[in-house]
Amino acid sequence: MTTSNTGDATDPTGNATDDSGNPTSDTGDATDSPGTDADATVRAELARLRDSIDNIDAAVVHMLAERFKCTQQVGHLKAAHQLPPADPSREAQQIARLRRLAENAKLDPAFAEKLLNFIIAEVIRHHESIADGTGQATGATGE
């Protein structure tokens, strides 16, 4: 924990902390502290936007869960027919498609690719687990 130029405690990443070193939501901005009517308007807008973010995060989790249910079935089919857990050709197609979707959505394609690569690695790990009989690969099992 360090102390900022304003005397506030911060962690090594610069986030505000309390006296015990625990993160606080107070960033030191006027937008997060009591004050003028303008501050109240900003705080209300922040709350509205944060609620939207929370709802989107929940939707992302649910969509990933649905995706992983499908790919768990893929893993069982692959195992039943002695197909390899990884399919580099399919993965390359997915990455190219996701990059195009990201560009169209004004999302950084490199970020989208990193996210998909993370998911693919987890999928392969779970498909390997299904294939070698060490697990049912519940949870993240997306292809």
N, C-alpha and C. Protein backbone atom coordinates (compact mmCIF):
# COMPACT_ATOMS: atom_id res chain seq x y z
N MET A 1 0.85 -1.17 0.00
CA MET A 1 0.00 0.00 0.00
C MET A 1 0.90 1.23 0.00
N THR A 2 0.52 2.21 -0.83
CA THR A 2 1.26 3.45 -0.89
C THR A 2 0.31 4.60 -0.61
N THR A 3 0.88 5.78 -0.49
CA THR A 3 0.06 6.96 -0.29
C THR A 3 0.21 7.85 -1.51
N SER A 4 -0.92 8.28 -2.06
CA SER A 4 -0.88 9.15 -3.25
C SER A 4 -0.47 10.55 -2.85
N ASN A 5 -0.28 11.40 -3.86
CA ASN A 5 0.08 12.79 -3.61
C ASN A 5 -0.98 13.52 -2.79
N THR A 6 -2.22 13.04 -2.84
CA THR A 6 -3.29 13.69 -2.08
C THR A 6 -3.41 13.13 -0.68
N GLY A 7 -2.57 12.14 -0.32
CA GLY A 7 -2.61 11.56 1.01
C GLY A 7 -3.52 10.35 1.12
N ASP A 8 -4.19 9.98 0.03
CA ASP A 8 -5.06 8.81 0.04
C ASP A 8 -4.24 7.55 -0.10
N ALA A 9 -4.67 6.47 0.55
CA ALA A 9 -3.98 5.19 0.45
C ALA A 9 -4.35 4.53 -0.87
N THR A 10 -3.34 3.91 -1.53
CA THR A 10 -3.58 3.18 -2.78
C THR A 10 -2.82 1.88 -2.75
N ASP A 11 -3.32 0.90 -3.55
CA ASP A 11 -2.60 -0.35 -3.70
C ASP A 11 -1.54 -0.16 -4.79
N PRO A 12 -0.71 -1.20 -5.08
CA PRO A 12 0.34 -1.04 -6.09
C PRO A 12 -0.17 -0.67 -7.48
N THR A 13 -1.43 -0.95 -7.78
CA THR A 13 -1.97 -0.61 -9.10
C THR A 13 -2.58 0.78 -9.11
N GLY A 14 -2.55 1.48 -7.98
CA GLY A 14 -3.07 2.84 -7.91
C GLY A 14 -4.52 2.94 -7.50
N ASN A 15 -5.15 1.81 -7.18
CA ASN A 15 -6.55 1.83 -6.74
C ASN A 15 -6.64 2.25 -5.28
N ALA A 16 -7.69 2.99 -4.95
CA ALA A 16 -7.88 3.49 -3.58
C ALA A 16 -8.10 2.33 -2.62
N THR A 17 -7.54 2.46 -1.42
CA THR A 17 -7.71 1.45 -0.37
C THR A 17 -8.04 2.14 0.93
N ASP A 18 -8.65 1.36 1.87
CA ASP A 18 -8.92 1.90 3.19
C ASP A 18 -7.67 1.74 4.05
N ASP A 19 -7.78 2.06 5.34
CA ASP A 19 -6.62 1.98 6.22
C ASP A 19 -6.06 0.57 6.36
N SER A 20 -6.88 -0.45 6.07
CA SER A 20 -6.43 -1.84 6.17
C SER A 20 -5.88 -2.36 4.85
N GLY A 21 -5.86 -1.52 3.83
CA GLY A 21 -5.37 -1.95 2.53
C GLY A 21 -6.42 -2.60 1.65
N ASN A 22 -7.68 -2.60 2.09
CA ASN A 22 -8.77 -3.17 1.30
C ASN A 22 -9.22 -2.18 0.25
N PRO A 23 -9.58 -2.68 -0.95
CA PRO A 23 -10.04 -1.78 -2.01
C PRO A 23 -11.29 -1.03 -1.57
N THR A 24 -11.38 0.21 -2.00
CA THR A 24 -12.58 1.01 -1.79
C THR A 24 -13.12 1.42 -3.14
N SER A 25 -14.41 1.74 -3.17
CA SER A 25 -15.00 2.18 -4.43
C SER A 25 -14.74 3.65 -4.68
N ASP A 26 -14.23 4.36 -3.68
CA ASP A 26 -13.98 5.79 -3.82
C ASP A 26 -12.68 6.01 -4.58
N THR A 27 -12.80 6.54 -5.78
CA THR A 27 -11.62 6.80 -6.59
C THR A 27 -11.05 8.18 -6.32
N GLY A 28 -11.71 8.93 -5.45
CA GLY A 28 -11.26 10.27 -5.17
C GLY A 28 -11.85 11.29 -6.12
N ASP A 29 -12.63 10.85 -7.11
CA ASP A 29 -13.28 11.75 -8.05
C ASP A 29 -14.48 12.39 -7.37
N ALA A 30 -14.81 13.61 -7.81
CA ALA A 30 -16.02 14.27 -7.30
C ALA A 30 -17.26 13.50 -7.72
N THR A 31 -17.15 12.69 -8.78
CA THR A 31 -18.30 11.95 -9.28
C THR A 31 -18.72 10.84 -8.34
N ASP A 32 -17.84 10.42 -7.44
CA ASP A 32 -18.17 9.33 -6.52
C ASP A 32 -18.35 9.83 -5.09
N SER A 33 -18.32 11.10 -4.87
CA SER A 33 -18.46 11.63 -3.51
C SER A 33 -19.58 12.64 -3.46
N PRO A 34 -20.13 12.87 -2.27
CA PRO A 34 -21.23 13.83 -2.16
C PRO A 34 -20.78 15.22 -2.60
N GLY A 35 -21.75 16.00 -3.10
CA GLY A 35 -21.38 17.34 -3.52
C GLY A 35 -22.55 18.05 -4.16
N THR A 36 -22.29 18.63 -5.29
CA THR A 36 -23.27 19.46 -5.98
C THR A 36 -24.34 18.63 -6.68
N ASP A 37 -25.35 19.35 -7.20
CA ASP A 37 -26.40 18.68 -7.98
C ASP A 37 -25.80 18.02 -9.21
N ALA A 38 -24.79 18.67 -9.81
CA ALA A 38 -24.13 18.07 -10.97
C ALA A 38 -23.49 16.74 -10.57
N ASP A 39 -22.89 16.71 -9.37
CA ASP A 39 -22.30 15.47 -8.88
C ASP A 39 -23.36 14.40 -8.71
N ALA A 40 -24.53 14.77 -8.20
CA ALA A 40 -25.62 13.81 -8.02
C ALA A 40 -26.08 13.28 -9.37
N THR A 41 -26.12 14.13 -10.37
CA THR A 41 -26.51 13.70 -11.72
C THR A 41 -25.49 12.72 -12.27
N VAL A 42 -24.23 13.04 -12.08
CA VAL A 42 -23.16 12.16 -12.55
C VAL A 42 -23.23 10.82 -11.82
N ARG A 43 -23.42 10.87 -10.49
CA ARG A 43 -23.51 9.62 -9.72
C ARG A 43 -24.69 8.78 -10.21
N ALA A 44 -25.82 9.42 -10.51
CA ALA A 44 -26.99 8.68 -11.00
C ALA A 44 -26.69 8.05 -12.35
N GLU A 45 -26.01 8.78 -13.20
CA GLU A 45 -25.65 8.23 -14.52
C GLU A 45 -24.66 7.09 -14.38
N LEU A 46 -23.70 7.24 -13.48
CA LEU A 46 -22.76 6.13 -13.22
C LEU A 46 -23.50 4.90 -12.73
N ALA A 47 -24.44 5.08 -11.83
CA ALA A 47 -25.22 3.95 -11.31
C ALA A 47 -26.00 3.28 -12.43
N ARG A 48 -26.62 4.08 -13.30
CA ARG A 48 -27.39 3.53 -14.42
C ARG A 48 -26.47 2.73 -15.35
N LEU A 49 -25.32 3.29 -15.69
CA LEU A 49 -24.39 2.61 -16.57
C LEU A 49 -23.83 1.33 -15.93
N ARG A 50 -23.53 1.41 -14.63
CA ARG A 50 -23.00 0.24 -13.93
C ARG A 50 -24.05 -0.87 -13.85
N ASP A 51 -25.31 -0.50 -13.68
CA ASP A 51 -26.39 -1.50 -13.72
C ASP A 51 -26.43 -2.18 -15.07
N SER A 52 -26.29 -1.39 -16.13
CA SER A 52 -26.27 -1.96 -17.48
C SER A 52 -25.10 -2.93 -17.65
N ILE A 53 -23.94 -2.52 -17.16
CA ILE A 53 -22.75 -3.38 -17.24
C ILE A 53 -23.00 -4.68 -16.49
N ASP A 54 -23.57 -4.60 -15.30
CA ASP A 54 -23.86 -5.80 -14.51
C ASP A 54 -24.81 -6.72 -15.26
N ASN A 55 -25.82 -6.15 -15.90
CA ASN A 55 -26.77 -6.96 -16.67
C ASN A 55 -26.10 -7.62 -17.87
N ILE A 56 -25.24 -6.88 -18.55
CA ILE A 56 -24.52 -7.44 -19.69
C ILE A 56 -23.60 -8.56 -19.23
N ASP A 57 -22.89 -8.35 -18.12
CA ASP A 57 -22.01 -9.39 -17.58
C ASP A 57 -22.80 -10.67 -17.28
N ALA A 58 -23.97 -10.53 -16.69
CA ALA A 58 -24.82 -11.68 -16.40
C ALA A 58 -25.22 -12.38 -17.69
N ALA A 59 -25.58 -11.62 -18.71
CA ALA A 59 -25.96 -12.21 -19.99
C ALA A 59 -24.79 -12.95 -20.62
N VAL A 60 -23.59 -12.38 -20.53
CA VAL A 60 -22.39 -13.04 -21.08
C VAL A 60 -22.17 -14.38 -20.40
N VAL A 61 -22.30 -14.41 -19.08
CA VAL A 61 -22.10 -15.67 -18.34
C VAL A 61 -23.12 -16.71 -18.78
N HIS A 62 -24.37 -16.30 -18.90
CA HIS A 62 -25.41 -17.25 -19.32
C HIS A 62 -25.20 -17.73 -20.76
N MET A 63 -24.77 -16.84 -21.63
CA MET A 63 -24.50 -17.23 -23.01
C MET A 63 -23.32 -18.20 -23.08
N LEU A 64 -22.29 -17.94 -22.28
CA LEU A 64 -21.16 -18.87 -22.24
C LEU A 64 -21.59 -20.24 -21.71
N ALA A 65 -22.44 -20.24 -20.71
CA ALA A 65 -22.93 -21.52 -20.16
C ALA A 65 -23.67 -22.31 -21.24
N GLU A 66 -24.50 -21.63 -22.02
CA GLU A 66 -25.22 -22.31 -23.11
C GLU A 66 -24.24 -22.83 -24.16
N ARG A 67 -23.26 -22.03 -24.50
CA ARG A 67 -22.25 -22.44 -25.47
C ARG A 67 -21.52 -23.69 -24.98
N PHE A 68 -21.15 -23.67 -23.71
CA PHE A 68 -20.40 -24.79 -23.16
C PHE A 68 -21.23 -26.07 -23.07
N LYS A 69 -22.53 -25.93 -22.89
CA LYS A 69 -23.39 -27.12 -22.91
C LYS A 69 -23.33 -27.79 -24.28
N CYS A 70 -23.36 -26.99 -25.32
CA CYS A 70 -23.27 -27.54 -26.68
C CYS A 70 -21.91 -28.19 -26.93
N THR A 71 -20.86 -27.50 -26.51
CA THR A 71 -19.55 -28.04 -26.81
C THR A 71 -19.19 -29.24 -25.92
N GLN A 72 -19.85 -29.37 -24.80
CA GLN A 72 -19.66 -30.59 -24.02
C GLN A 72 -20.17 -31.78 -24.84
N GLN A 73 -21.28 -31.59 -25.51
CA GLN A 73 -21.81 -32.64 -26.39
C GLN A 73 -20.83 -32.93 -27.53
N VAL A 74 -20.19 -31.87 -28.05
CA VAL A 74 -19.17 -32.06 -29.08
C VAL A 74 -18.05 -32.93 -28.53
N GLY A 75 -17.61 -32.65 -27.31
CA GLY A 75 -16.53 -33.44 -26.71
C GLY A 75 -16.90 -34.91 -26.57
N HIS A 76 -18.15 -35.19 -26.19
CA HIS A 76 -18.58 -36.57 -26.08
C HIS A 76 -18.65 -37.25 -27.44
N LEU A 77 -19.12 -36.53 -28.45
CA LEU A 77 -19.14 -37.09 -29.80
C LEU A 77 -17.74 -37.38 -30.31
N LYS A 78 -16.84 -36.45 -30.11
CA LYS A 78 -15.45 -36.65 -30.52
C LYS A 78 -14.85 -37.87 -29.83
N ALA A 79 -15.08 -37.97 -28.54
CA ALA A 79 -14.53 -39.10 -27.79
C ALA A 79 -15.13 -40.42 -28.27
N ALA A 80 -16.43 -40.44 -28.51
CA ALA A 80 -17.10 -41.66 -28.95
C ALA A 80 -16.62 -42.13 -30.31
N HIS A 81 -16.15 -41.19 -31.13
CA HIS A 81 -15.72 -41.54 -32.49
C HIS A 81 -14.22 -41.38 -32.67
N GLN A 82 -13.50 -41.39 -31.57
CA GLN A 82 -12.04 -41.30 -31.55
C GLN A 82 -11.51 -40.13 -32.40
N LEU A 83 -12.18 -39.00 -32.32
CA LEU A 83 -11.71 -37.80 -33.00
C LEU A 83 -10.84 -36.99 -32.03
N PRO A 84 -9.85 -36.28 -32.53
CA PRO A 84 -8.98 -35.52 -31.63
C PRO A 84 -9.73 -34.37 -30.96
N PRO A 85 -9.34 -34.04 -29.73
CA PRO A 85 -9.99 -32.94 -29.02
C PRO A 85 -9.84 -31.59 -29.74
N ALA A 86 -8.70 -31.37 -30.36
CA ALA A 86 -8.46 -30.11 -31.06
C ALA A 86 -8.75 -30.28 -32.55
N ASP A 87 -9.22 -29.20 -33.15
CA ASP A 87 -9.49 -29.17 -34.59
C ASP A 87 -8.96 -27.83 -35.11
N PRO A 88 -7.65 -27.78 -35.44
CA PRO A 88 -7.03 -26.51 -35.82
C PRO A 88 -7.73 -25.80 -36.99
N SER A 89 -8.25 -26.55 -37.93
CA SER A 89 -8.95 -25.94 -39.06
C SER A 89 -10.21 -25.21 -38.58
N ARG A 90 -11.00 -25.87 -37.75
CA ARG A 90 -12.22 -25.27 -37.19
C ARG A 90 -11.86 -24.05 -36.34
N GLU A 91 -10.81 -24.17 -35.55
CA GLU A 91 -10.40 -23.07 -34.68
C GLU A 91 -10.00 -21.85 -35.50
N ALA A 92 -9.27 -22.06 -36.60
CA ALA A 92 -8.87 -20.96 -37.47
C ALA A 92 -10.10 -20.29 -38.08
N GLN A 93 -11.08 -21.09 -38.48
CA GLN A 93 -12.32 -20.53 -39.03
C GLN A 93 -13.04 -19.69 -37.97
N GLN A 94 -13.10 -20.21 -36.76
CA GLN A 94 -13.77 -19.48 -35.68
C GLN A 94 -13.08 -18.15 -35.40
N ILE A 95 -11.76 -18.18 -35.36
CA ILE A 95 -11.00 -16.95 -35.07
C ILE A 95 -11.24 -15.92 -36.17
N ALA A 96 -11.16 -16.35 -37.43
CA ALA A 96 -11.39 -15.41 -38.54
C ALA A 96 -12.81 -14.83 -38.47
N ARG A 97 -13.78 -15.68 -38.20
CA ARG A 97 -15.18 -15.23 -38.11
C ARG A 97 -15.37 -14.25 -36.95
N LEU A 98 -14.79 -14.59 -35.80
CA LEU A 98 -14.94 -13.73 -34.63
C LEU A 98 -14.25 -12.38 -34.83
N ARG A 99 -13.12 -12.38 -35.51
CA ARG A 99 -12.43 -11.12 -35.80
C ARG A 99 -13.30 -10.23 -36.70
N ARG A 100 -13.95 -10.83 -37.70
CA ARG A 100 -14.85 -10.06 -38.57
C ARG A 100 -16.03 -9.50 -37.77
N LEU A 101 -16.62 -10.35 -36.93
CA LEU A 101 -17.73 -9.89 -36.09
C LEU A 101 -17.29 -8.74 -35.18
N ALA A 102 -16.11 -8.86 -34.61
CA ALA A 102 -15.60 -7.82 -33.71
C ALA A 102 -15.41 -6.51 -34.47
N GLU A 103 -14.83 -6.59 -35.65
CA GLU A 103 -14.64 -5.38 -36.45
C GLU A 103 -15.98 -4.71 -36.74
N ASN A 104 -16.97 -5.50 -37.14
CA ASN A 104 -18.29 -4.96 -37.45
C ASN A 104 -18.95 -4.34 -36.22
N ALA A 105 -18.66 -4.88 -35.06
CA ALA A 105 -19.24 -4.38 -33.80
C ALA A 105 -18.40 -3.28 -33.17
N LYS A 106 -17.33 -2.88 -33.84
CA LYS A 106 -16.42 -1.84 -33.31
C LYS A 106 -15.74 -2.28 -32.01
N LEU A 107 -15.42 -3.58 -31.96
CA LEU A 107 -14.68 -4.15 -30.84
C LEU A 107 -13.29 -4.51 -31.35
N ASP A 108 -12.30 -4.35 -30.54
CA ASP A 108 -10.92 -4.65 -30.94
C ASP A 108 -10.82 -6.13 -31.34
N PRO A 109 -10.51 -6.42 -32.62
CA PRO A 109 -10.42 -7.82 -33.07
C PRO A 109 -9.35 -8.62 -32.32
N ALA A 110 -8.27 -7.97 -31.93
CA ALA A 110 -7.23 -8.67 -31.17
C ALA A 110 -7.76 -9.12 -29.82
N PHE A 111 -8.56 -8.28 -29.18
CA PHE A 111 -9.18 -8.66 -27.90
C PHE A 111 -10.12 -9.85 -28.11
N ALA A 112 -10.95 -9.79 -29.15
CA ALA A 112 -11.89 -10.88 -29.43
C ALA A 112 -11.14 -12.17 -29.69
N GLU A 113 -10.03 -12.09 -30.40
CA GLU A 113 -9.23 -13.29 -30.68
C GLU A 113 -8.62 -13.86 -29.40
N LYS A 114 -8.12 -13.00 -28.54
CA LYS A 114 -7.56 -13.46 -27.26
C LYS A 114 -8.62 -14.17 -26.43
N LEU A 115 -9.82 -13.59 -26.41
CA LEU A 115 -10.92 -14.20 -25.66
C LEU A 115 -11.25 -15.59 -26.23
N LEU A 116 -11.37 -15.67 -27.54
CA LEU A 116 -11.69 -16.97 -28.16
C LEU A 116 -10.57 -17.97 -27.94
N ASN A 117 -9.32 -17.55 -28.04
CA ASN A 117 -8.20 -18.46 -27.79
C ASN A 117 -8.25 -19.01 -26.37
N PHE A 118 -8.62 -18.17 -25.41
CA PHE A 118 -8.76 -18.63 -24.03
C PHE A 118 -9.85 -19.69 -23.94
N ILE A 119 -10.98 -19.43 -24.57
CA ILE A 119 -12.10 -20.38 -24.55
C ILE A 119 -11.69 -21.68 -25.24
N ILE A 120 -11.06 -21.58 -26.40
CA ILE A 120 -10.64 -22.77 -27.14
C ILE A 120 -9.69 -23.62 -26.31
N ALA A 121 -8.74 -23.00 -25.63
CA ALA A 121 -7.79 -23.76 -24.80
C ALA A 121 -8.53 -24.52 -23.70
N GLU A 122 -9.52 -23.87 -23.10
CA GLU A 122 -10.30 -24.53 -22.05
C GLU A 122 -11.13 -25.68 -22.63
N VAL A 123 -11.68 -25.46 -23.81
CA VAL A 123 -12.46 -26.49 -24.49
C VAL A 123 -11.60 -27.73 -24.75
N ILE A 124 -10.43 -27.50 -25.30
CA ILE A 124 -9.55 -28.62 -25.62
C ILE A 124 -9.19 -29.38 -24.35
N ARG A 125 -8.90 -28.66 -23.29
CA ARG A 125 -8.57 -29.31 -22.01
C ARG A 125 -9.73 -30.21 -21.56
N HIS A 126 -10.95 -29.70 -21.67
CA HIS A 126 -12.11 -30.49 -21.26
C HIS A 126 -12.38 -31.64 -22.22
N HIS A 127 -12.18 -31.42 -23.50
CA HIS A 127 -12.36 -32.51 -24.47
C HIS A 127 -11.34 -33.62 -24.22
N GLU A 128 -10.12 -33.25 -23.87
CA GLU A 128 -9.11 -34.25 -23.53
C GLU A 128 -9.54 -35.04 -22.30
N SER A 129 -10.10 -34.36 -21.34
CA SER A 129 -10.57 -35.01 -20.12
C SER A 129 -11.69 -36.01 -20.44
N ILE A 130 -12.59 -35.61 -21.32
CA ILE A 130 -13.67 -36.52 -21.73
C ILE A 130 -13.08 -37.72 -22.47
N ALA A 131 -12.14 -37.46 -23.38
CA ALA A 131 -11.56 -38.53 -24.20
C ALA A 131 -10.78 -39.54 -23.37
N ASP A 132 -10.06 -39.07 -22.35
CA ASP A 132 -9.27 -40.02 -21.56
C ASP A 132 -10.05 -40.59 -20.38
N GLY A 133 -11.30 -40.17 -20.26
CA GLY A 133 -12.17 -40.75 -19.24
C GLY A 133 -11.92 -40.23 -17.84
N THR A 134 -11.17 -39.13 -17.69
CA THR A 134 -10.87 -38.64 -16.34
C THR A 134 -11.92 -37.65 -15.84
N GLY A 135 -12.86 -37.31 -16.67
CA GLY A 135 -13.88 -36.38 -16.20
C GLY A 135 -15.01 -36.22 -17.19
N GLN A 136 -16.09 -35.68 -16.69
CA GLN A 136 -17.24 -35.41 -17.53
C GLN A 136 -17.16 -34.01 -18.14
N ALA A 137 -16.12 -33.27 -17.76
CA ALA A 137 -15.89 -31.92 -18.28
C ALA A 137 -17.10 -31.03 -18.10
N THR A 138 -17.58 -30.97 -16.86
CA THR A 138 -18.65 -30.01 -16.59
C THR A 138 -18.02 -28.64 -16.48
N GLY A 139 -18.81 -27.64 -16.70
CA GLY A 139 -18.31 -26.27 -16.65
C GLY A 139 -17.90 -25.81 -18.03
N ALA A 140 -16.77 -25.10 -18.11
CA ALA A 140 -16.34 -24.52 -19.38
C ALA A 140 -15.90 -25.63 -20.32
N THR A 141 -16.74 -25.93 -21.29
CA THR A 141 -16.44 -26.99 -22.24
C THR A 141 -16.74 -26.55 -23.65
N GLY A 142 -16.51 -25.29 -23.97
CA GLY A 142 -16.89 -24.75 -25.27
C GLY A 142 -15.90 -25.05 -26.36
N GLU A 143 -16.41 -25.17 -27.59
CA GLU A 143 -15.54 -25.36 -28.74
C GLU A 143 -15.54 -24.11 -29.56
